N, C-alpha and C. Protein backbone atom coordinates (compact mmCIF):
# COMPACT_ATOMS: atom_id res chain seq x y z
N MET A 1 0.96 -1.20 -0.13
CA MET A 1 0.11 -0.35 -0.36
C MET A 1 1.02 1.17 -0.41
N SER A 2 0.35 1.80 -0.53
CA SER A 2 1.10 3.26 -0.93
C SER A 2 0.16 5.00 -0.90
N GLU A 3 0.45 5.65 -0.18
CA GLU A 3 -0.46 6.60 0.10
C GLU A 3 0.35 7.82 -0.68
N ASP A 4 -1.15 8.82 -1.57
CA ASP A 4 -1.00 10.35 -2.24
C ASP A 4 -1.51 11.37 -1.77
N ASN A 5 -1.31 11.90 -0.42
CA ASN A 5 -2.47 12.76 0.16
C ASN A 5 -3.56 11.87 0.60
N ASN A 6 -5.11 12.30 0.23
CA ASN A 6 -5.98 11.17 0.86
C ASN A 6 -6.23 9.89 -0.44
N LEU A 7 -5.52 9.84 -1.83
CA LEU A 7 -5.60 8.31 -1.87
C LEU A 7 -4.61 7.35 -1.73
N ILE A 8 -5.43 6.33 -1.48
CA ILE A 8 -4.54 5.01 -0.60
C ILE A 8 -4.28 3.90 -1.89
N TYR A 9 -3.73 3.21 -2.73
CA TYR A 9 -3.33 1.67 -3.66
C TYR A 9 -3.16 1.00 -2.29
N LEU A 10 -4.44 0.00 -2.53
CA LEU A 10 -4.66 -1.33 -1.93
C LEU A 10 -3.97 -2.09 -3.52
N THR A 11 -3.19 -3.06 -3.33
CA THR A 11 -2.81 -3.92 -4.17
C THR A 11 -3.79 -5.62 -4.02
N ASP A 12 -4.82 -5.49 -5.23
CA ASP A 12 -5.15 -6.62 -5.25
C ASP A 12 -4.28 -8.37 -5.44
N ASP A 13 -5.93 -9.56 -5.38
CA ASP A 13 -4.96 -10.55 -5.63
C ASP A 13 -3.67 -11.05 -6.24
N GLU A 14 -4.08 -10.55 -7.50
CA GLU A 14 -3.67 -10.70 -8.50
C GLU A 14 -1.98 -9.69 -8.60
N GLY A 15 -2.56 -8.68 -7.67
CA GLY A 15 -1.04 -7.81 -7.54
C GLY A 15 -1.11 -6.46 -8.07
N ASN A 16 -2.64 -5.83 -8.64
CA ASN A 16 -2.72 -5.17 -9.42
C ASN A 16 -2.97 -3.70 -8.55
N GLU A 17 -2.63 -2.78 -8.46
CA GLU A 17 -2.53 -1.98 -7.38
C GLU A 17 -4.04 -0.66 -8.49
N GLU A 18 -4.77 -0.94 -7.10
CA GLU A 18 -6.04 0.42 -7.26
C GLU A 18 -6.37 1.12 -6.89
N PRO A 19 -6.55 2.37 -6.85
CA PRO A 19 -6.83 3.73 -6.07
C PRO A 19 -7.84 4.19 -5.81
N TYR A 20 -8.05 4.87 -3.86
CA TYR A 20 -8.52 4.34 -3.04
C TYR A 20 -9.03 5.17 -2.60
N SER A 21 -9.85 6.68 -2.58
CA SER A 21 -9.84 7.88 -2.27
C SER A 21 -10.30 7.68 -0.44
N PHE A 22 -9.63 8.01 0.84
CA PHE A 22 -10.00 7.39 1.39
C PHE A 22 -10.61 8.84 2.59
N LEU A 23 -11.68 7.85 2.94
CA LEU A 23 -12.79 8.64 3.80
C LEU A 23 -13.20 8.90 4.96
N ASP A 24 -12.58 8.13 5.36
CA ASP A 24 -12.95 8.50 6.98
C ASP A 24 -12.51 7.14 8.02
N LEU A 25 -11.40 7.22 9.01
CA LEU A 25 -11.14 6.30 9.90
C LEU A 25 -12.30 5.97 11.26
N VAL A 26 -13.21 4.45 11.43
CA VAL A 26 -14.62 4.83 11.89
C VAL A 26 -13.45 3.54 13.92
N GLU A 27 -13.58 3.73 14.23
CA GLU A 27 -14.12 3.24 15.31
C GLU A 27 -15.14 2.09 16.08
N TYR A 28 -14.86 0.46 16.56
CA TYR A 28 -16.34 0.24 16.44
C TYR A 28 -15.62 -0.76 17.19
N ASP A 29 -16.48 -1.28 18.40
CA ASP A 29 -16.65 -2.49 18.98
C ASP A 29 -14.34 -2.79 19.21
N GLY A 30 -14.04 -1.69 19.16
CA GLY A 30 -12.44 -1.82 19.28
C GLY A 30 -11.82 -1.86 18.65
N CYS A 31 -12.06 -1.63 17.34
CA CYS A 31 -11.48 -1.87 15.65
C CYS A 31 -11.91 -0.62 15.29
N GLU A 32 -10.57 -0.40 14.33
CA GLU A 32 -10.54 0.45 13.30
C GLU A 32 -11.08 0.26 12.10
N TYR A 33 -11.72 0.83 11.92
CA TYR A 33 -11.97 0.26 9.89
C TYR A 33 -11.79 2.27 9.18
N ALA A 34 -11.22 1.21 7.64
CA ALA A 34 -10.95 2.53 6.99
C ALA A 34 -12.80 2.02 5.97
N VAL A 35 -12.97 3.65 6.30
CA VAL A 35 -13.93 3.35 4.77
C VAL A 35 -13.30 4.22 3.67
N LEU A 36 -13.42 4.06 2.30
CA LEU A 36 -12.79 4.23 0.85
C LEU A 36 -13.61 4.11 -0.01
N TYR A 37 -13.65 5.57 -0.99
CA TYR A 37 -14.04 5.39 -1.75
C TYR A 37 -13.13 4.83 -2.93
N PRO A 38 -13.84 4.49 -4.49
CA PRO A 38 -12.97 3.48 -5.03
C PRO A 38 -12.72 4.20 -6.38
N GLU A 39 -11.72 4.52 -7.22
CA GLU A 39 -11.13 5.82 -7.66
C GLU A 39 -11.36 5.41 -8.81
N SER A 40 -10.72 3.95 -8.91
CA SER A 40 -11.67 3.83 -10.81
C SER A 40 -12.80 2.55 -11.03
N GLY A 41 -13.23 2.58 -12.43
CA GLY A 41 -14.16 1.65 -11.96
C GLY A 41 -15.69 2.62 -12.56
N GLU A 42 -17.03 1.97 -12.56
CA GLU A 42 -18.42 3.34 -12.59
C GLU A 42 -18.33 3.94 -11.25
N ASP A 43 -19.06 5.31 -11.52
CA ASP A 43 -19.40 6.19 -9.95
C ASP A 43 -20.66 5.35 -9.49
N ASP A 44 -20.52 4.11 -8.81
CA ASP A 44 -21.98 3.44 -8.70
C ASP A 44 -22.25 4.23 -7.29
N GLY A 45 -21.52 5.29 -6.39
CA GLY A 45 -21.87 5.59 -5.32
C GLY A 45 -21.58 5.01 -4.09
N THR A 46 -20.93 3.13 -3.74
CA THR A 46 -20.56 2.36 -3.25
C THR A 46 -19.51 2.85 -2.50
N VAL A 47 -19.02 2.10 -1.64
CA VAL A 47 -17.87 2.64 -0.78
C VAL A 47 -16.94 1.20 -0.11
N GLU A 48 -15.77 1.38 0.32
CA GLU A 48 -15.19 -0.33 0.68
C GLU A 48 -15.51 -0.02 2.46
N ILE A 49 -14.96 -1.14 3.05
CA ILE A 49 -15.34 -0.54 4.41
C ILE A 49 -13.95 -2.20 4.91
N LEU A 50 -12.94 -1.66 5.26
CA LEU A 50 -11.98 -2.53 6.06
C LEU A 50 -11.40 -1.96 6.80
N ARG A 51 -11.21 -3.69 7.57
CA ARG A 51 -10.64 -3.34 9.01
C ARG A 51 -8.94 -2.82 8.94
N VAL A 52 -8.32 -1.85 10.21
CA VAL A 52 -7.10 -2.02 9.67
C VAL A 52 -6.84 -2.51 10.61
N GLU A 53 -5.44 -2.68 10.40
CA GLU A 53 -4.61 -3.21 11.35
C GLU A 53 -2.83 -3.42 11.20
N ASP A 54 -2.72 -2.83 12.77
CA ASP A 54 -1.20 -1.80 12.50
C ASP A 54 -0.50 -3.00 12.61
N LEU A 55 0.85 -2.99 11.68
CA LEU A 55 1.78 -4.16 11.16
C LEU A 55 3.03 -3.73 12.72
N ASN A 56 2.99 -2.28 11.88
CA ASN A 56 4.62 -1.45 12.16
C ASN A 56 4.07 -0.15 12.67
N ASP A 57 4.93 1.05 12.60
CA ASP A 57 4.91 1.93 12.76
C ASP A 57 5.02 2.78 11.69
N ASP A 58 5.33 2.44 10.77
CA ASP A 58 5.12 3.12 9.38
C ASP A 58 3.84 1.53 8.49
N GLU A 59 3.86 0.65 8.91
CA GLU A 59 2.94 0.10 7.00
C GLU A 59 1.73 -0.50 8.22
N ASP A 60 0.02 -0.45 7.66
CA ASP A 60 -1.01 -0.61 8.00
C ASP A 60 -1.08 -1.71 7.32
N ALA A 61 -2.72 -3.15 7.76
CA ALA A 61 -2.77 -3.86 6.93
C ALA A 61 -4.29 -3.39 6.93
N TYR A 62 -4.67 -3.69 5.49
CA TYR A 62 -6.44 -3.32 5.17
C TYR A 62 -7.12 -4.83 4.92
N LEU A 63 -7.81 -5.04 6.00
CA LEU A 63 -8.62 -6.98 5.81
C LEU A 63 -9.85 -6.63 5.60
N PRO A 64 -10.57 -7.30 5.00
CA PRO A 64 -11.56 -7.38 4.61
C PRO A 64 -12.52 -7.73 5.91
N VAL A 65 -14.11 -7.21 5.68
CA VAL A 65 -14.81 -7.82 6.51
C VAL A 65 -16.17 -8.22 6.29
N GLU A 66 -15.89 -9.57 7.05
CA GLU A 66 -17.09 -10.76 6.66
C GLU A 66 -18.36 -10.36 7.28
N SER A 67 -18.32 -9.64 8.49
CA SER A 67 -19.85 -10.00 8.77
C SER A 67 -20.54 -8.69 8.22
N GLU A 68 -22.11 -8.85 7.70
CA GLU A 68 -22.51 -7.80 7.41
C GLU A 68 -23.09 -7.17 8.77
N GLU A 69 -23.66 -7.10 9.77
CA GLU A 69 -23.68 -6.68 11.31
C GLU A 69 -22.62 -5.36 11.27
N ILE A 70 -21.21 -5.84 11.29
CA ILE A 70 -20.10 -4.98 11.77
C ILE A 70 -19.91 -4.19 10.16
N LEU A 71 -20.55 -4.16 8.64
CA LEU A 71 -20.97 -3.49 8.54
C LEU A 71 -21.30 -2.08 7.85
N ASP A 72 -22.39 -2.65 8.05
CA ASP A 72 -24.22 -1.65 8.65
C ASP A 72 -23.55 -0.79 9.83
N ALA A 73 -22.68 -1.47 10.90
CA ALA A 73 -22.98 -0.50 12.27
C ALA A 73 -21.69 0.52 12.12
N VAL A 74 -21.67 0.21 11.13
CA VAL A 74 -19.57 1.10 10.06
C VAL A 74 -19.95 1.35 9.18
N PHE A 75 -20.86 2.08 8.49
CA PHE A 75 -20.86 2.52 7.62
C PHE A 75 -22.36 3.32 7.94
N ASN A 76 -23.38 2.92 9.07
CA ASN A 76 -24.14 4.10 9.50
C ASN A 76 -23.30 4.92 10.75
N LEU A 77 -22.28 4.48 11.28
CA LEU A 77 -21.12 5.35 11.91
C LEU A 77 -20.37 6.45 11.10
N PHE A 78 -20.44 6.26 10.02
CA PHE A 78 -19.33 7.01 8.52
C PHE A 78 -20.59 8.23 8.79
N LYS A 79 -21.94 7.22 8.40
CA LYS A 79 -22.79 9.00 7.92
C LYS A 79 -23.45 9.55 9.02
N GLU A 80 -23.69 9.12 10.08
CA GLU A 80 -24.02 10.03 11.47
C GLU A 80 -22.54 11.05 11.38
N ARG A 81 -21.16 10.82 11.72
CA ARG A 81 -19.98 11.55 11.08
C ARG A 81 -20.34 12.77 10.42
N ASN A 82 -21.45 11.76 9.17
CA ASN A 82 -20.83 13.17 7.54
C ASN A 82 -21.84 13.45 7.44
N LYS A 83 -22.85 13.42 7.65
CA LYS A 83 -24.07 13.91 7.33
C LYS A 83 -24.35 14.81 6.64
N ASP A 84 -23.56 16.01 7.61
CA ASP A 84 -23.19 17.20 6.69
C ASP A 84 -22.36 17.84 5.59
N SER A 85 -21.27 16.88 5.16
CA SER A 85 -20.20 17.42 4.10
C SER A 85 -20.71 16.26 2.80
N LEU A 86 -21.04 15.22 3.25
CA LEU A 86 -21.46 14.18 1.43
C LEU A 86 -22.99 13.70 2.24
N ASP A 87 -23.43 13.84 0.86
CA ASP A 87 -24.89 13.04 0.85
C ASP A 87 -24.98 11.95 0.10
N PHE A 88 -26.06 11.06 1.25
CA PHE A 88 -26.74 9.94 1.11
C PHE A 88 -27.55 9.94 0.31
N GLU A 89 -28.30 8.83 -0.45
CA GLU A 89 -29.31 8.41 -1.00
C GLU A 89 -29.94 8.05 0.33
């Protein structure tokens, strides 16, 4: 992963780097979750929510979230925190 201002580049399973805008870091149930917006592809308004795990001082791991309950809770916290600055449908 590399960063450029608010852009984060994540590497997929095939080694391709994909750019994401970093929208917010949400704490939920003792864990931190990154809310990211994919910069490539269609603009369908969906975000990606990944659990952030500290590897060391310079590097974090972004891990998939399997639980729909956690995804919904984190997204609702994100919407509440950003309701004045972002338009949610």
